[in-house]
Amino acid sequence: LFARAVALARGDCPLLAQFAVAQATRAAAAPKDALPLFDALLADVVRRGVAVSPALLATAARVAEQAGESRRAADLEERALATEQQHLPNLIDMRAFRQRYQWLWDRYQAEVTAAVGAKDERGVARALAGAERTWKHWREGDRENPQMALDMANLQMAAGRKGAAWLYLSSIIEEKPKD
């Protein structure tokens, strides 16, 4: 695969070649080496004026996660979802959309838990801000998912913010009082 990618690089498909080299590096169980290749590919895509694919951003997010760069992974996934969200609901599989947001949500939950455990209030605030941003974007595309408000309330409780937790819980009651 690597040899084929190098051959492509000499041809008319430099972006495809870059992607093939990055994927081959990732497949060789070298995500720390693959991440800069994906970063260079994303920069070249933008430089050439090509629309960045949500799938490419999501792949780069998984590589960043494998490389141990959770914050970078979350940033890339947020970009992927923001790019993809403009196509809701017509072109997006809702099940896959929820899975991708759940992946991102799990990252923020882990970040909040770690910051609470370390008694790092700035870290808690930063992680909650990211979780709230993600929650709002997710909510825009998935309004019928009541579990989201419960998840956010639980996250707020874990961070010691009971008042904020109640606001999220009460939103469930306000939106569907008969349920």
Protein backbone atom coordinates (compact mmCIF):
# COMPACT_ATOMS: atom_id res chain seq x y z
CA LEU A 1 0.00 0.00 0.00
CA PHE A 2 2.81 2.38 0.87
CA ALA A 3 4.54 1.74 -2.47
CA ARG A 4 1.26 2.37 -4.29
CA ALA A 5 0.84 5.65 -2.41
CA VAL A 6 4.30 6.78 -3.44
CA ALA A 7 3.48 5.89 -7.04
CA LEU A 8 0.28 7.96 -6.81
CA ALA A 9 2.27 10.89 -5.42
CA ARG A 10 4.18 10.99 -8.70
CA GLY A 11 0.90 11.06 -10.63
CA ASP A 12 -2.05 13.40 -10.84
CA CYS A 13 -3.54 12.65 -7.42
CA PRO A 14 -1.32 14.23 -4.76
CA LEU A 15 -4.14 14.54 -2.18
CA LEU A 16 -5.12 10.92 -2.68
CA ALA A 17 -1.48 9.95 -2.35
CA GLN A 18 -1.13 11.90 0.88
CA PHE A 19 -4.23 10.18 2.21
CA ALA A 20 -2.91 6.75 1.22
CA VAL A 21 0.43 7.41 2.93
CA ALA A 22 -1.33 8.67 6.08
CA GLN A 23 -3.64 5.65 6.14
CA ALA A 24 -0.77 3.24 5.52
CA THR A 25 1.15 4.82 8.38
CA ARG A 26 -1.91 4.51 10.61
CA ALA A 27 -2.39 0.88 9.55
CA ALA A 28 1.21 0.20 10.51
CA ALA A 29 0.12 0.97 14.10
CA ALA A 30 1.94 4.29 14.10
CA PRO A 31 -0.76 6.86 14.92
CA LYS A 32 1.77 9.34 16.32
CA ASP A 33 3.52 9.30 12.95
CA ALA A 34 0.23 9.35 11.03
CA LEU A 35 -1.26 12.39 12.80
CA PRO A 36 1.15 14.96 11.28
CA LEU A 37 0.48 13.37 7.87
CA PHE A 38 -3.26 13.88 8.35
CA ASP A 39 -2.65 17.44 9.55
CA ALA A 40 -0.61 18.16 6.41
CA LEU A 41 -3.31 16.59 4.25
CA LEU A 42 -6.03 18.72 5.86
CA ALA A 43 -3.93 21.85 5.37
CA ASP A 44 -3.33 20.98 1.70
CA VAL A 45 -7.03 20.32 1.13
CA VAL A 46 -7.87 23.77 2.51
CA ARG A 47 -4.99 25.42 0.62
CA ARG A 48 -6.27 23.95 -2.65
CA GLY A 49 -9.79 25.24 -1.98
CA VAL A 50 -11.32 21.78 -1.76
CA ALA A 51 -14.19 21.28 0.67
CA VAL A 52 -12.96 19.31 3.67
CA SER A 53 -14.81 16.04 4.01
CA PRO A 54 -16.45 15.28 7.37
CA ALA A 55 -15.21 11.71 6.95
CA LEU A 56 -11.60 12.89 6.59
CA LEU A 57 -11.93 15.05 9.70
CA ALA A 58 -13.50 12.14 11.62
CA THR A 59 -10.69 9.82 10.52
CA ALA A 60 -8.11 12.36 11.65
CA ALA A 61 -9.97 12.58 14.97
CA ARG A 62 -9.66 8.82 15.48
CA VAL A 63 -5.95 8.98 14.66
CA ALA A 64 -5.49 11.80 17.17
CA GLU A 65 -7.29 9.71 19.80
CA GLN A 66 -5.06 6.71 19.02
CA ALA A 67 -2.03 9.00 19.29
CA GLY A 68 -3.12 10.00 22.80
CA GLU A 69 -4.20 13.52 21.87
CA SER A 70 -7.76 13.60 23.21
CA ARG A 71 -8.17 17.38 23.02
CA ARG A 72 -7.07 17.40 19.36
CA ALA A 73 -9.37 14.44 18.67
CA ALA A 74 -12.34 16.30 20.12
CA ASP A 75 -11.53 19.43 18.09
CA LEU A 76 -11.34 17.45 14.86
CA GLU A 77 -14.57 15.58 15.61
CA GLU A 78 -16.35 18.85 16.37
CA ARG A 79 -15.20 20.20 12.99
CA ALA A 80 -16.39 17.01 11.29
CA LEU A 81 -19.81 17.21 12.87
CA ALA A 82 -20.18 20.92 12.16
CA THR A 83 -19.33 20.29 8.52
CA GLU A 84 -21.74 17.39 8.35
CA GLN A 85 -24.56 19.05 10.26
CA GLN A 86 -25.48 21.35 7.41
CA HIS A 87 -26.70 18.26 5.53
CA LEU A 88 -29.13 17.13 8.24
CA PRO A 89 -31.54 15.43 8.02
CA ASN A 90 -31.56 14.70 4.29
CA LEU A 91 -28.13 13.17 3.71
CA ILE A 92 -27.07 11.93 7.14
CA ASP A 93 -27.78 8.57 8.73
CA MET A 94 -29.19 9.55 12.14
CA ARG A 95 -27.85 6.41 13.82
CA ALA A 96 -24.31 7.19 12.65
CA PHE A 97 -24.79 10.85 13.62
CA ARG A 98 -25.72 9.83 17.16
CA GLN A 99 -22.80 7.41 17.39
CA ARG A 100 -20.34 10.11 16.40
CA TYR A 101 -21.76 12.61 18.86
CA GLN A 102 -21.75 9.93 21.54
CA TRP A 103 -18.04 9.33 20.84
CA LEU A 104 -17.36 13.03 21.31
CA TRP A 105 -19.60 13.19 24.37
CA ASP A 106 -17.67 10.32 25.98
CA ARG A 107 -14.45 12.33 25.57
CA TYR A 108 -15.94 15.29 27.41
CA GLN A 109 -17.32 13.08 30.18
CA ALA A 110 -13.85 11.60 30.71
CA GLU A 111 -12.32 15.09 30.71
CA VAL A 112 -14.82 16.35 33.32
CA THR A 113 -14.30 13.26 35.48
CA ALA A 114 -10.52 13.63 35.36
CA ALA A 115 -10.66 17.35 36.17
CA VAL A 116 -13.06 16.78 39.08
CA GLY A 117 -10.77 14.04 40.42
CA ALA A 118 -7.77 16.36 40.17
CA LYS A 119 -9.75 19.21 41.78
CA ASP A 120 -8.91 21.30 38.72
CA GLU A 121 -11.73 23.87 38.55
CA ARG A 122 -10.36 25.47 35.38
CA GLY A 123 -10.21 22.04 33.75
CA VAL A 124 -13.78 21.32 34.87
CA ALA A 125 -14.97 24.64 33.45
CA ARG A 126 -13.13 24.05 30.15
CA ALA A 127 -14.50 20.52 29.79
CA LEU A 128 -18.04 21.60 30.68
CA ALA A 129 -17.86 24.41 28.13
CA GLY A 130 -16.88 21.90 25.46
CA ALA A 131 -19.59 19.49 26.59
CA GLU A 132 -22.21 22.23 26.52
CA ARG A 133 -21.12 23.35 23.04
CA THR A 134 -21.30 19.75 21.84
CA TRP A 135 -24.65 19.23 23.56
CA LYS A 136 -26.15 22.30 21.83
CA HIS A 137 -24.93 21.21 18.40
CA TRP A 138 -26.15 17.67 18.99
CA ARG A 139 -29.50 18.98 20.17
CA GLU A 140 -29.94 21.03 16.97
CA GLY A 141 -29.89 17.88 14.90
CA ASP A 142 -31.50 15.46 17.37
CA ARG A 143 -34.28 17.29 19.22
CA GLU A 144 -36.28 14.13 19.90
CA ASN A 145 -33.59 12.52 22.07
CA PRO A 146 -34.61 13.03 25.74
CA GLN A 147 -31.60 11.06 26.96
CA MET A 148 -29.39 14.00 26.04
CA ALA A 149 -30.84 16.26 28.75
CA LEU A 150 -30.41 13.50 31.31
CA ASP A 151 -26.81 12.93 30.24
CA MET A 152 -26.02 16.64 30.54
CA ALA A 153 -27.71 16.81 33.94
CA ASN A 154 -25.62 13.87 35.15
CA LEU A 155 -22.45 15.54 33.87
CA GLN A 156 -23.35 18.76 35.66
CA MET A 157 -23.99 16.80 38.88
CA ALA A 158 -20.63 15.04 38.55
CA ALA A 159 -19.05 18.49 38.33
CA GLY A 160 -20.90 19.62 41.47
CA ARG A 161 -23.21 22.01 39.64
CA LYS A 162 -26.64 21.03 41.01
CA GLY A 163 -28.42 24.16 39.81
CA ALA A 164 -27.28 23.65 36.23
CA ALA A 165 -28.20 19.98 36.48
CA TRP A 166 -31.72 20.88 37.51
CA LEU A 167 -32.07 23.27 34.55
CA TYR A 168 -31.33 20.41 32.15
CA LEU A 169 -33.64 18.01 33.98
CA SER A 170 -36.45 20.54 34.07
CA SER A 171 -36.13 21.03 30.31
CA ILE A 172 -37.35 17.45 29.88
CA ILE A 173 -40.40 18.23 31.97
CA GLU A 174 -41.07 21.50 30.15
CA GLU A 175 -40.81 19.95 26.69
CA LYS A 176 -42.91 16.86 27.39
CA PRO A 177 -44.85 17.32 30.62
CA LYS A 178 -47.16 14.37 29.96
CA ASP A 179 -44.24 11.99 29.55
